């Protein structure tokens, strides 16, 4: 069984467990089979709750990504231990590691530092605890001796200079040297710090912010946010780290948290145009269009040369059905920053809403090309293909890229499943909805659409429990109600047709994890 097949099997089992089709013991017994040894004889298994992969390092299970080419399945005759949690410090032989119910990685609590400045610690071993004594020899031959003598001479001259300068009145050496140089002292004055100015606030936080920006563009949001958090602590008066922190949270779907961080940035620097622009964006994504417009217009007034401020305001004007104003703002953003992904995105949305397909897709492709590893760019392009241009197969490709880059955003799996349904590939939609349910087990729509995928695959008997679960979560779920009635009457359920949108789709918001 390949890694992909094991993952599909996991989501199938998890979906059945969630609706009561199988019991806890059967689920555990089946999950225990989803482990293997790779070509380096490392053991891998899937976490029973998260669906993430873990490998065994000889003492504990740690998160990782398994190789996808070849796997060595667990031999059928090998006895498997009962599922039990790993105790800290407990050792186990690598050929048969204990299997925890939910492997949990070690949590680091230290404040992060830029990656470029991290030091690697060396574990204590008998060799480095008691290093072997080495004999000391003077470099007594050739150029080494000459170099050492020169360094010693320079050192003695410096000592003599300092002694004369500080012990002899009038500092005769500085005076004499000043005379030789035209009466001007060559000493460098030590700059004084203004009262209330943080020490090295910008220079110290800048590397952290730059690292965070790099991680965002690689869709590594947890690592990016850790960098911004450290920068915000180091530079207590700057709005920049909080603004970037808000941006990262918004991309990953945590709009409420992004709104809080943007408001904190404004408190630090009310006249910061980028902070105001980011606040405007998250207000719009939170459905507060009128408030967003006021803040966005303030941002462009504070800094008319801010490309992001114009780009975000263009999106807000589209949401307010002010297409000509949106076009003006998008064009200004592009003029100010022709290589900005946000500027091209703003222009892409203007053209998309106007149903200018080919020019819109050209702008979307430029947006993706500028930031190819940011999952959000692919997710939005998938939405455009599926919803605006009725092209589910091209949408599938973009959603797949989005989930590969950032697997924690469950709306991408939901939309991928919907794209498969739109392309009449219901069997391929099933694991995507199962994955979405694992990431968000309280979302009624995921269960309803999973039921539709089963029903359209001539498996109404398997579909009905999912419709019932959707209605248990939300008794008013119209999709589940309609599809359940169709299945019970012997008809294949149909997915409801979505109305054609006329304004940009605001990204789906998801709740942040506790803590």
Protein backbone atom coordinates (compact mmCIF):
# COMPACT_ATOMS: atom_id res chain seq x y z
CA UNK A 1 0.00 0.00 0.00
CA UNK A 2 1.46 3.35 -1.03
CA UNK A 3 1.55 6.48 1.14
CA UNK A 4 -1.29 8.04 -0.87
CA UNK A 5 -3.39 4.88 -0.48
CA UNK A 6 -2.77 4.86 3.27
CA UNK A 7 -3.88 8.48 3.50
CA UNK A 8 -7.06 7.75 1.56
CA UNK A 9 -7.73 4.77 3.82
CA UNK A 10 -7.27 6.97 6.90
CA UNK A 11 -9.78 9.56 5.76
CA UNK A 12 -12.25 6.84 4.82
CA UNK A 13 -11.97 5.31 8.31
CA UNK A 14 -12.15 8.70 10.03
CA UNK A 15 -15.28 9.61 8.12
CA UNK A 16 -16.95 6.32 9.09
CA UNK A 17 -15.99 6.82 12.73
CA UNK A 18 -17.41 10.35 12.75
CA UNK A 19 -20.85 9.16 11.64
CA UNK A 20 -20.85 5.99 13.76
CA UNK A 21 -20.45 3.54 10.87
CA UNK A 22 -17.58 1.88 12.75
CA UNK A 23 -16.64 1.79 16.41
CA UNK A 24 -13.60 3.16 18.22
CA UNK A 25 -11.93 -0.24 18.60
CA UNK A 26 -12.35 -1.13 14.93
CA UNK A 27 -11.03 2.31 13.97
CA UNK A 28 -7.93 1.87 16.15
CA UNK A 29 -7.29 -1.62 14.83
CA UNK A 30 -7.44 -0.42 11.24
CA UNK A 31 -5.36 2.72 11.86
CA UNK A 32 -2.68 0.56 13.47
CA UNK A 33 -2.17 -1.10 10.09
CA UNK A 34 -1.30 2.21 8.44
CA UNK A 35 2.41 2.14 9.14
CA UNK A 36 5.47 1.03 7.20
CA UNK A 37 9.26 0.99 7.03
CA UNK A 38 11.03 3.02 4.35
CA UNK A 39 14.25 2.07 2.57
CA UNK A 40 16.28 3.47 5.50
CA UNK A 41 14.35 1.15 7.86
CA UNK A 42 12.60 4.09 9.53
CA UNK A 43 9.09 3.44 10.81
CA UNK A 44 6.24 5.73 9.76
CA UNK A 45 2.60 5.93 10.90
CA UNK A 46 -0.44 8.20 10.63
CA UNK A 47 -1.71 10.09 13.70
CA UNK A 48 -5.14 8.81 14.63
CA UNK A 49 -6.63 12.29 15.14
CA UNK A 50 -4.68 14.62 12.87
CA UNK A 51 -3.96 12.45 9.83
CA UNK A 52 -0.37 13.73 9.90
CA UNK A 53 2.63 11.45 9.43
CA UNK A 54 5.11 10.64 12.22
CA UNK A 55 8.33 8.69 12.21
CA UNK A 56 10.00 6.84 15.08
CA UNK A 57 13.47 8.01 16.15
CA UNK A 58 14.09 5.18 18.59
CA UNK A 59 12.48 6.90 21.59
CA UNK A 60 9.44 8.83 20.41
CA UNK A 61 7.26 9.59 17.40
CA UNK A 62 8.09 12.92 15.74
CA UNK A 63 6.24 14.67 12.88
CA UNK A 64 7.64 14.42 9.39
CA UNK A 65 6.90 13.77 5.74
CA UNK A 66 7.40 10.18 4.55
CA UNK A 67 8.94 9.24 1.21
CA UNK A 68 6.30 8.65 -1.42
CA UNK A 69 8.15 6.38 -3.84
CA UNK A 70 8.53 3.01 -2.17
CA UNK A 71 7.21 1.73 1.12
CA UNK A 72 7.79 -1.49 3.00
CA UNK A 73 4.47 -2.58 4.48
CA UNK A 74 4.33 -4.12 7.92
CA UNK A 75 4.57 -7.93 7.53
CA UNK A 76 1.22 -9.58 8.08
CA UNK A 77 2.63 -12.09 10.56
CA UNK A 78 4.31 -9.46 12.77
CA UNK A 79 2.56 -9.16 16.15
CA UNK A 80 1.53 -5.58 16.83
CA UNK A 81 1.50 -4.13 20.34
CA UNK A 82 -1.65 -2.59 21.74
CA UNK A 83 -2.14 1.11 21.06
CA UNK A 84 -0.65 3.07 23.90
CA UNK A 85 0.86 6.52 24.37
CA UNK A 86 4.61 6.96 24.35
CA UNK A 87 6.01 7.85 27.76
CA UNK A 88 8.76 10.49 27.77
CA UNK A 89 12.17 8.88 27.77
CA UNK A 90 10.88 5.38 27.11
CA UNK A 91 13.04 3.48 24.64
CA UNK A 92 11.75 1.04 22.07
CA UNK A 93 13.47 -0.99 19.36
CA UNK A 94 13.15 0.60 15.93
CA UNK A 95 11.98 -2.61 14.15
CA UNK A 96 8.77 -2.70 16.24
CA UNK A 97 8.01 0.73 17.75
CA UNK A 98 5.07 1.20 20.10
CA UNK A 99 2.08 2.83 18.45
CA UNK A 100 0.53 5.82 20.25
CA UNK A 101 -3.11 6.65 19.75
CA UNK A 102 -2.21 10.21 18.83
CA UNK A 103 1.50 10.99 18.35
CA UNK A 104 2.29 14.40 19.77
CA UNK A 105 5.39 16.37 18.74
CA UNK A 106 7.52 18.10 21.31
CA UNK A 107 6.46 21.77 21.72
CA UNK A 108 9.19 24.40 21.82
CA UNK A 109 8.56 27.35 24.09
CA UNK A 110 11.59 29.53 23.44
CA UNK A 111 11.34 32.81 21.55
CA UNK A 112 12.41 32.19 17.93
CA UNK A 113 15.33 33.95 16.30
CA UNK A 114 16.14 34.45 12.63
CA UNK A 115 17.04 31.21 10.91
CA UNK A 116 20.32 32.65 9.72
CA UNK A 117 21.42 33.28 13.32
CA UNK A 118 20.35 30.01 14.97
CA UNK A 119 23.12 28.05 16.67
CA UNK A 120 23.31 24.28 16.58
CA UNK A 121 23.81 22.75 20.02
CA UNK A 122 26.04 19.69 20.40
CA UNK A 123 24.75 16.84 22.52
CA UNK A 124 27.02 15.78 25.39
CA UNK A 125 28.95 12.59 24.65
CA UNK A 126 31.82 10.88 26.43
CA UNK A 127 34.09 12.36 23.78
CA UNK A 128 33.08 16.01 24.19
CA UNK A 129 32.61 15.85 27.97
CA UNK A 130 36.26 14.95 28.54
CA UNK A 131 38.32 16.05 25.56
CA UNK A 132 41.70 14.44 25.26
CA UNK A 133 44.54 16.72 26.47
CA UNK A 134 46.57 18.30 23.71
CA UNK A 135 50.10 19.62 23.97
CA UNK A 136 50.59 23.33 23.37
CA UNK A 137 53.31 24.42 20.95
CA UNK A 138 54.40 27.92 20.02
CA UNK A 139 54.42 28.80 16.33
CA UNK A 140 58.17 29.33 16.17
CA UNK A 141 58.87 28.98 12.49
CA UNK A 142 58.76 31.18 9.44
CA UNK A 143 55.96 33.67 8.61
CA UNK A 144 53.89 32.66 11.64
CA UNK A 145 56.59 33.96 14.01
CA UNK A 146 56.86 37.22 12.05
CA UNK A 147 53.08 37.71 12.11
CA UNK A 148 52.88 37.09 15.85
CA UNK A 149 55.69 39.58 16.48
CA UNK A 150 53.91 42.22 14.38
CA UNK A 151 50.66 41.73 16.27
CA UNK A 152 52.48 42.01 19.58
CA UNK A 153 54.13 45.26 18.46
CA UNK A 154 50.79 46.76 17.41
CA UNK A 155 49.27 45.77 20.74
CA UNK A 156 52.10 47.44 22.69
CA UNK A 157 51.73 50.65 20.65
CA UNK A 158 48.00 50.77 21.40
CA UNK A 159 48.62 50.22 25.10
CA UNK A 160 51.18 53.04 25.10
CA UNK A 161 48.72 55.37 23.26
CA UNK A 162 45.90 54.71 25.73
CA UNK A 163 48.21 55.20 28.71
CA UNK A 164 49.53 58.54 27.44
CA UNK A 165 46.10 59.81 26.44
CA UNK A 166 44.57 59.07 29.83
CA UNK A 167 47.45 59.71 32.21
CA UNK A 168 49.27 62.67 30.65
CA UNK A 169 47.35 66.01 30.85
CA UNK A 170 46.39 67.62 27.56
CA UNK A 171 46.30 64.38 25.55
CA UNK A 172 49.54 65.24 23.67
CA UNK A 173 49.21 62.50 21.04
CA UNK A 174 45.71 63.56 19.89
CA UNK A 175 46.83 67.18 19.85
CA UNK A 176 49.93 66.45 17.87
CA UNK A 177 48.05 64.23 15.42
CA UNK A 178 45.38 66.88 15.04
CA UNK A 179 48.04 69.44 14.10
CA UNK A 180 49.41 67.13 11.43
CA UNK A 181 45.91 66.68 9.95
CA UNK A 182 45.07 70.37 9.76
CA UNK A 183 43.78 70.88 13.28
CA UNK A 184 40.77 68.55 12.93
CA UNK A 185 40.40 65.61 15.26
CA UNK A 186 39.89 62.22 13.58
CA UNK A 187 38.03 60.76 16.54
CA UNK A 188 34.52 59.41 15.83
CA UNK A 189 31.76 60.79 18.02
CA UNK A 190 29.49 58.28 19.70
CA UNK A 191 25.87 59.01 18.67
CA UNK A 192 23.47 59.64 21.49
CA UNK A 193 20.05 57.98 21.69
CA UNK A 194 16.95 60.14 21.80
CA UNK A 195 14.86 59.87 24.94
CA UNK A 196 12.22 57.20 24.60
CA UNK A 197 13.72 55.73 21.42
CA UNK A 198 14.02 51.90 21.63
CA UNK A 199 17.54 50.60 21.36
CA UNK A 200 18.17 49.20 17.87
CA UNK A 201 14.44 48.66 17.42
CA UNK A 202 14.43 48.68 13.62
CA UNK A 203 17.78 47.07 12.96
CA UNK A 204 17.17 44.30 15.46
CA UNK A 205 13.64 43.45 14.29
CA UNK A 206 14.25 43.80 10.56
CA UNK A 207 15.93 40.39 10.08
CA UNK A 208 13.06 38.73 11.94
CA UNK A 209 10.47 40.50 9.77
CA UNK A 210 12.38 39.58 6.61
CA UNK A 211 12.49 35.93 7.70
CA UNK A 212 8.77 36.03 8.44
CA UNK A 213 8.03 37.47 5.00
CA UNK A 214 10.06 34.71 3.38
CA UNK A 215 8.22 32.02 5.31
CA UNK A 216 4.82 33.48 4.34
CA UNK A 217 5.76 33.23 0.67
CA UNK A 218 6.58 29.55 1.29
CA UNK A 219 3.19 29.00 3.05
CA UNK A 220 4.98 28.24 6.34
CA UNK A 221 2.68 30.38 8.44
CA UNK A 222 3.43 29.03 11.91
CA UNK A 223 7.14 29.72 11.46
CA UNK A 224 6.45 33.14 9.94
CA UNK A 225 4.17 34.15 12.81
CA UNK A 226 6.82 33.10 15.33
CA UNK A 227 9.27 35.48 13.64
CA UNK A 228 6.77 38.35 13.63
CA UNK A 229 5.95 37.71 17.29
CA UNK A 230 9.61 37.96 18.24
CA UNK A 231 9.99 41.12 16.14
CA UNK A 232 6.95 42.69 17.80
CA UNK A 233 8.45 42.03 21.22
CA UNK A 234 11.81 43.44 20.20
CA UNK A 235 10.38 46.57 18.54
CA UNK A 236 7.59 47.63 20.85
CA UNK A 237 6.76 50.87 19.00
CA UNK A 238 6.74 49.64 15.40
CA UNK A 239 3.52 48.66 13.61
CA UNK A 240 5.33 46.65 10.92
CA UNK A 241 5.62 43.23 12.66
CA UNK A 242 1.99 43.35 13.80
CA UNK A 243 0.84 44.33 10.30
CA UNK A 244 2.72 41.40 8.74
CA UNK A 245 1.46 39.12 11.51
CA UNK A 246 -2.10 40.15 10.65
CA UNK A 247 -1.46 39.43 6.96
CA UNK A 248 -0.22 35.90 7.71
CA UNK A 249 -3.24 35.18 9.91
CA UNK A 250 -5.62 36.43 7.23
CA UNK A 251 -4.08 34.20 4.56
CA UNK A 252 -4.51 31.10 6.72
CA UNK A 253 -8.19 31.97 7.32
CA UNK A 254 -8.01 33.29 10.90
CA UNK A 255 -9.74 36.57 10.10
CA UNK A 256 -10.80 37.44 13.65
CA UNK A 257 -7.24 37.05 14.92
CA UNK A 258 -5.96 39.02 11.92
CA UNK A 259 -8.39 41.82 12.75
CA UNK A 260 -7.14 41.97 16.35
CA UNK A 261 -3.50 42.18 15.23
CA UNK A 262 -4.26 44.89 12.66
CA UNK A 263 -6.00 46.95 15.35
CA UNK A 264 -2.97 46.54 17.63
CA UNK A 265 -0.76 47.79 14.80
CA UNK A 266 -2.95 50.90 14.43
CA UNK A 267 -2.67 51.55 18.17
CA UNK A 268 1.11 51.57 17.83
CA UNK A 269 1.19 53.81 14.76
CA UNK A 270 -2.11 55.46 13.78
CA UNK A 271 -0.49 57.23 10.82
CA UNK A 272 1.05 54.07 9.32
CA UNK A 273 -0.54 53.64 5.87
CA UNK A 274 0.35 49.93 5.55
CA UNK A 275 -1.24 49.18 8.93
CA UNK A 276 -4.38 51.07 7.93
CA UNK A 277 -4.49 49.25 4.59
CA UNK A 278 -4.20 45.84 6.26
CA UNK A 279 -6.95 46.75 8.71
CA UNK A 280 -9.14 47.73 5.76
CA UNK A 281 -8.55 44.38 4.08
CA UNK A 282 -9.42 42.23 7.09
CA UNK A 283 -12.48 44.36 7.80
CA UNK A 284 -13.63 43.63 4.24
CA UNK A 285 -12.90 39.90 4.60
CA UNK A 286 -14.90 39.99 7.83
CA UNK A 287 -17.91 41.39 5.97
CA UNK A 288 -17.57 44.96 7.33
CA UNK A 289 -17.42 46.64 3.92
CA UNK A 290 -18.51 50.15 4.97
CA UNK A 291 -15.93 50.31 7.77
CA UNK A 292 -13.30 48.85 5.44
CA UNK A 293 -13.94 51.58 2.85
CA UNK A 294 -13.45 54.35 5.41
CA UNK A 295 -10.18 52.86 6.64
CA UNK A 296 -8.96 52.07 3.10
CA UNK A 297 -9.55 55.61 1.91
CA UNK A 298 -7.65 56.89 4.94
CA UNK A 299 -4.74 54.62 4.05
CA UNK A 300 -4.34 56.05 0.54
CA UNK A 301 -4.60 59.57 1.94
CA UNK A 302 -1.82 58.84 4.42
CA UNK A 303 0.43 57.48 1.68
CA UNK A 304 -0.72 57.99 -1.93
CA UNK A 305 2.32 55.99 -3.08
CA UNK A 306 1.38 52.82 -1.20
CA UNK A 307 0.60 50.20 -3.84
CA UNK A 308 -0.94 47.84 -1.28
CA UNK A 309 -3.29 50.54 -0.02
CA UNK A 310 -4.61 51.15 -3.54
CA UNK A 311 -4.84 47.39 -4.27
CA UNK A 312 -6.83 46.64 -1.11
CA UNK A 313 -9.11 49.63 -1.70
CA UNK A 314 -9.83 48.34 -5.23
CA UNK A 315 -11.14 45.09 -3.77
CA UNK A 316 -13.25 46.98 -1.23
CA UNK A 317 -14.78 49.16 -3.97
CA UNK A 318 -15.71 46.00 -5.89
CA UNK A 319 -17.45 44.64 -2.81
CA UNK A 320 -19.30 47.95 -2.57
CA UNK A 321 -20.31 47.64 -6.27
CA UNK A 322 -18.20 50.63 -7.30
CA UNK A 323 -16.47 49.01 -10.27
CA UNK A 324 -15.13 52.21 -11.95
CA UNK A 325 -13.50 53.34 -8.69
CA UNK A 326 -12.08 49.85 -8.24
CA UNK A 327 -10.55 49.98 -11.72
CA UNK A 328 -8.90 53.32 -10.94
CA UNK A 329 -7.39 52.03 -7.72
CA UNK A 330 -6.13 48.81 -9.34
CA UNK A 331 -4.44 50.77 -12.13
CA UNK A 332 -2.78 53.07 -9.59
CA UNK A 333 -1.50 50.05 -7.68
CA UNK A 334 0.04 48.60 -10.85
CA UNK A 335 1.63 51.93 -11.82
CA UNK A 336 3.23 52.22 -8.38
CA UNK A 337 4.43 48.60 -8.22
CA UNK A 338 4.36 46.72 -11.54
CA UNK A 339 5.92 43.64 -9.90
CA UNK A 340 3.52 43.47 -6.94
CA UNK A 341 1.41 40.33 -6.66
CA UNK A 342 -1.23 42.29 -4.73
CA UNK A 343 -1.47 44.89 -7.51
CA UNK A 344 -1.94 42.22 -10.18
CA UNK A 345 -4.47 40.45 -7.95
CA UNK A 346 -6.51 43.65 -7.65
CA UNK A 347 -6.52 44.11 -11.41
CA UNK A 348 -7.38 40.42 -11.86
CA UNK A 349 -10.44 40.76 -9.63
CA UNK A 350 -11.62 43.88 -11.50
CA UNK A 351 -11.40 42.00 -14.82
CA UNK A 352 -12.94 38.83 -13.37
CA UNK A 353 -16.00 40.62 -12.02
CA UNK A 354 -16.34 42.32 -15.43
CA UNK A 355 -16.29 38.82 -17.04
CA UNK A 356 -13.26 39.66 -19.18
CA UNK A 357 -11.99 36.10 -19.03
CA UNK A 358 -8.73 36.11 -20.99
CA UNK A 359 -7.33 39.40 -19.60
CA UNK A 360 -8.42 38.32 -16.11
CA UNK A 361 -6.68 34.95 -16.38
CA UNK A 362 -3.52 36.67 -17.65
CA UNK A 363 -3.49 38.83 -14.51
CA UNK A 364 -4.19 35.82 -12.28
CA UNK A 365 -1.34 33.86 -13.84
CA UNK A 366 0.96 36.82 -13.30
CA UNK A 367 -0.13 36.97 -9.66
CA UNK A 368 0.66 33.28 -9.18
CA UNK A 369 3.97 33.57 -11.04
CA UNK A 370 5.11 36.34 -8.68
CA UNK A 371 4.34 34.30 -5.54
CA UNK A 372 4.19 30.67 -6.73
CA UNK A 373 4.61 29.02 -3.31
CA UNK A 374 1.94 31.01 -1.48
CA UNK A 375 -1.00 28.61 -1.33
CA UNK A 376 -3.55 31.43 -1.22
CA UNK A 377 -2.73 32.49 -4.81
CA UNK A 378 -3.58 29.02 -6.12
CA UNK A 379 -6.68 28.76 -3.95
CA UNK A 380 -8.11 32.02 -5.31
CA UNK A 381 -7.32 31.06 -8.90
CA UNK A 382 -9.12 27.76 -8.29
CA UNK A 383 -12.14 29.70 -7.05
CA UNK A 384 -12.07 31.88 -10.17
CA UNK A 385 -11.92 28.87 -12.51
CA UNK A 386 -14.70 27.01 -10.68
CA UNK A 387 -17.14 29.78 -9.77
CA UNK A 388 -16.68 32.52 -12.37
CA UNK A 389 -15.56 30.69 -15.50
CA UNK A 390 -17.22 27.26 -15.07
CA UNK A 391 -13.95 25.34 -15.52
CA UNK A 392 -13.83 22.69 -12.75
CA UNK A 393 -10.87 20.72 -14.14
CA UNK A 394 -8.53 23.73 -14.20
CA UNK A 395 -9.87 24.52 -10.73
CA UNK A 396 -8.88 21.02 -9.58
CA UNK A 397 -5.28 21.65 -10.59
CA UNK A 398 -5.07 24.90 -8.61
CA UNK A 399 -6.78 23.48 -5.52
CA UNK A 400 -4.37 20.55 -5.57
CA UNK A 401 -1.41 22.94 -5.60
CA UNK A 402 -2.96 24.88 -2.72
CA UNK A 403 -3.44 21.78 -0.55
CA UNK A 404 0.08 20.56 -1.35
CA UNK A 405 1.56 23.88 -0.22
CA UNK A 406 -0.57 24.27 2.93
CA UNK A 407 -2.53 21.27 4.11
CA UNK A 408 -4.19 22.85 7.16
CA UNK A 409 -6.72 24.97 5.26
CA UNK A 410 -9.81 22.77 5.09
CA UNK A 411 -11.81 25.02 2.68
CA UNK A 412 -9.30 24.06 -0.04
CA UNK A 413 -10.23 20.36 0.35
CA UNK A 414 -13.92 21.25 0.37
CA UNK A 415 -13.54 23.27 -2.84
CA UNK A 416 -11.46 20.52 -4.43
CA UNK A 417 -14.28 18.09 -3.70
CA UNK A 418 -16.82 20.51 -5.22
CA UNK A 419 -14.66 20.86 -8.33
CA UNK A 420 -14.59 17.07 -8.71
CA UNK A 421 -18.38 16.97 -8.34
CA UNK A 422 -18.65 19.69 -10.98
CA UNK A 423 -16.53 17.57 -13.32
CA UNK A 424 -18.72 14.47 -12.63
CA UNK A 425 -15.87 12.73 -10.78
CA UNK A 426 -17.75 11.88 -7.60
CA UNK A 427 -15.45 9.02 -6.59
CA UNK A 428 -12.47 11.38 -6.58
CA UNK A 429 -14.45 13.88 -4.53
CA UNK A 430 -15.02 11.43 -1.66
CA UNK A 431 -11.50 11.51 -0.09
CA UNK A 432 -11.36 15.30 -0.37
CA UNK A 433 -14.54 15.76 1.66
CA UNK A 434 -13.31 13.12 4.11
CA UNK A 435 -10.11 15.12 4.53
CA UNK A 436 -12.10 18.30 5.08
CA UNK A 437 -14.17 16.56 7.76
CA UNK A 438 -11.03 15.44 9.57
CA UNK A 439 -9.75 19.02 9.68
CA UNK A 440 -13.15 20.48 10.61
CA UNK A 441 -15.51 17.83 12.08
CA UNK A 442 -18.18 20.38 12.99
CA UNK A 443 -18.85 21.70 9.48
CA UNK A 444 -22.26 20.45 8.28
CA UNK A 445 -21.60 21.25 4.61
CA UNK A 446 -18.63 18.87 4.49
CA UNK A 447 -20.85 15.98 5.62
CA UNK A 448 -23.64 16.99 3.24
CA UNK A 449 -21.38 17.12 0.20
CA UNK A 450 -19.62 13.90 1.17
CA UNK A 451 -23.04 12.28 1.22
CA UNK A 452 -23.74 13.69 -2.25
CA UNK A 453 -20.43 12.29 -3.51
CA UNK A 454 -21.38 8.83 -2.20
CA UNK A 455 -24.91 9.14 -3.59
CA UNK A 456 -23.69 10.14 -7.04
CA UNK A 457 -21.41 7.09 -6.92
CA UNK A 458 -24.51 4.83 -6.50
CA UNK A 459 -23.81 4.38 -2.79
CA UNK A 460 -26.89 5.98 -1.21
CA UNK A 461 -26.78 3.54 1.68
CA UNK A 462 -23.40 5.00 2.68
CA UNK A 463 -24.54 8.54 1.91
CA UNK A 464 -27.53 8.63 4.29
CA UNK A 465 -25.50 8.60 7.57
CA UNK A 466 -23.56 11.65 6.35
CA UNK A 467 -26.75 13.56 5.55
CA UNK A 468 -28.08 12.68 8.99
CA UNK A 469 -24.85 13.85 10.62
CA UNK A 470 -25.02 17.15 8.71
CA UNK A 471 -28.57 17.69 9.96
CA UNK A 472 -27.55 16.80 13.50
CA UNK A 473 -24.96 19.61 13.35
CA UNK A 474 -27.29 22.02 11.55
CA UNK A 475 -30.97 21.03 11.29
CA UNK A 476 -31.52 23.85 8.77
CA UNK A 477 -28.91 22.62 6.28
CA UNK A 478 -30.83 22.79 3.00
CA UNK A 479 -28.26 20.78 1.01
CA UNK A 480 -28.45 17.80 3.36
CA UNK A 481 -32.25 17.98 3.64
CA UNK A 482 -32.78 17.91 -0.12
CA UNK A 483 -30.15 15.24 -0.79
CA UNK A 484 -31.44 12.98 2.00
CA UNK A 485 -34.94 13.09 0.53
CA UNK A 486 -33.58 12.23 -2.92
CA UNK A 487 -31.58 9.27 -1.59
CA UNK A 488 -34.51 7.93 0.42
CA UNK A 489 -36.70 8.08 -2.69
CA UNK A 490 -34.18 6.10 -4.72
CA UNK A 491 -32.75 9.01 -6.71
CA UNK A 492 -29.11 10.05 -6.92
CA UNK A 493 -28.71 13.31 -4.97
CA UNK A 494 -27.75 16.43 -6.88
CA UNK A 495 -25.52 19.24 -5.72
CA UNK A 496 -27.25 22.63 -5.70
CA UNK A 497 -26.23 25.07 -8.40
CA UNK A 498 -24.42 28.08 -7.00
CA UNK A 499 -25.69 31.49 -8.14
CA UNK A 500 -23.28 33.42 -10.32
CA UNK A 501 -21.42 35.92 -8.14
CA UNK A 502 -21.10 39.56 -9.10
CA UNK A 503 -18.52 40.66 -6.51
CA UNK A 504 -15.20 39.17 -5.40
CA UNK A 505 -15.43 36.10 -3.22
CA UNK A 506 -14.15 36.86 0.25
CA UNK A 507 -11.93 34.00 1.45
CA UNK A 508 -13.58 31.51 3.80
CA UNK A 509 -12.80 32.21 7.45
CA UNK A 510 -11.94 29.41 9.84
CA UNK A 511 -11.63 29.42 13.62
CA UNK A 512 -8.12 29.47 15.05
CA UNK A 513 -6.97 26.49 17.04
CA UNK A 514 -7.32 26.88 20.82
CA UNK A 515 -4.16 28.27 22.39
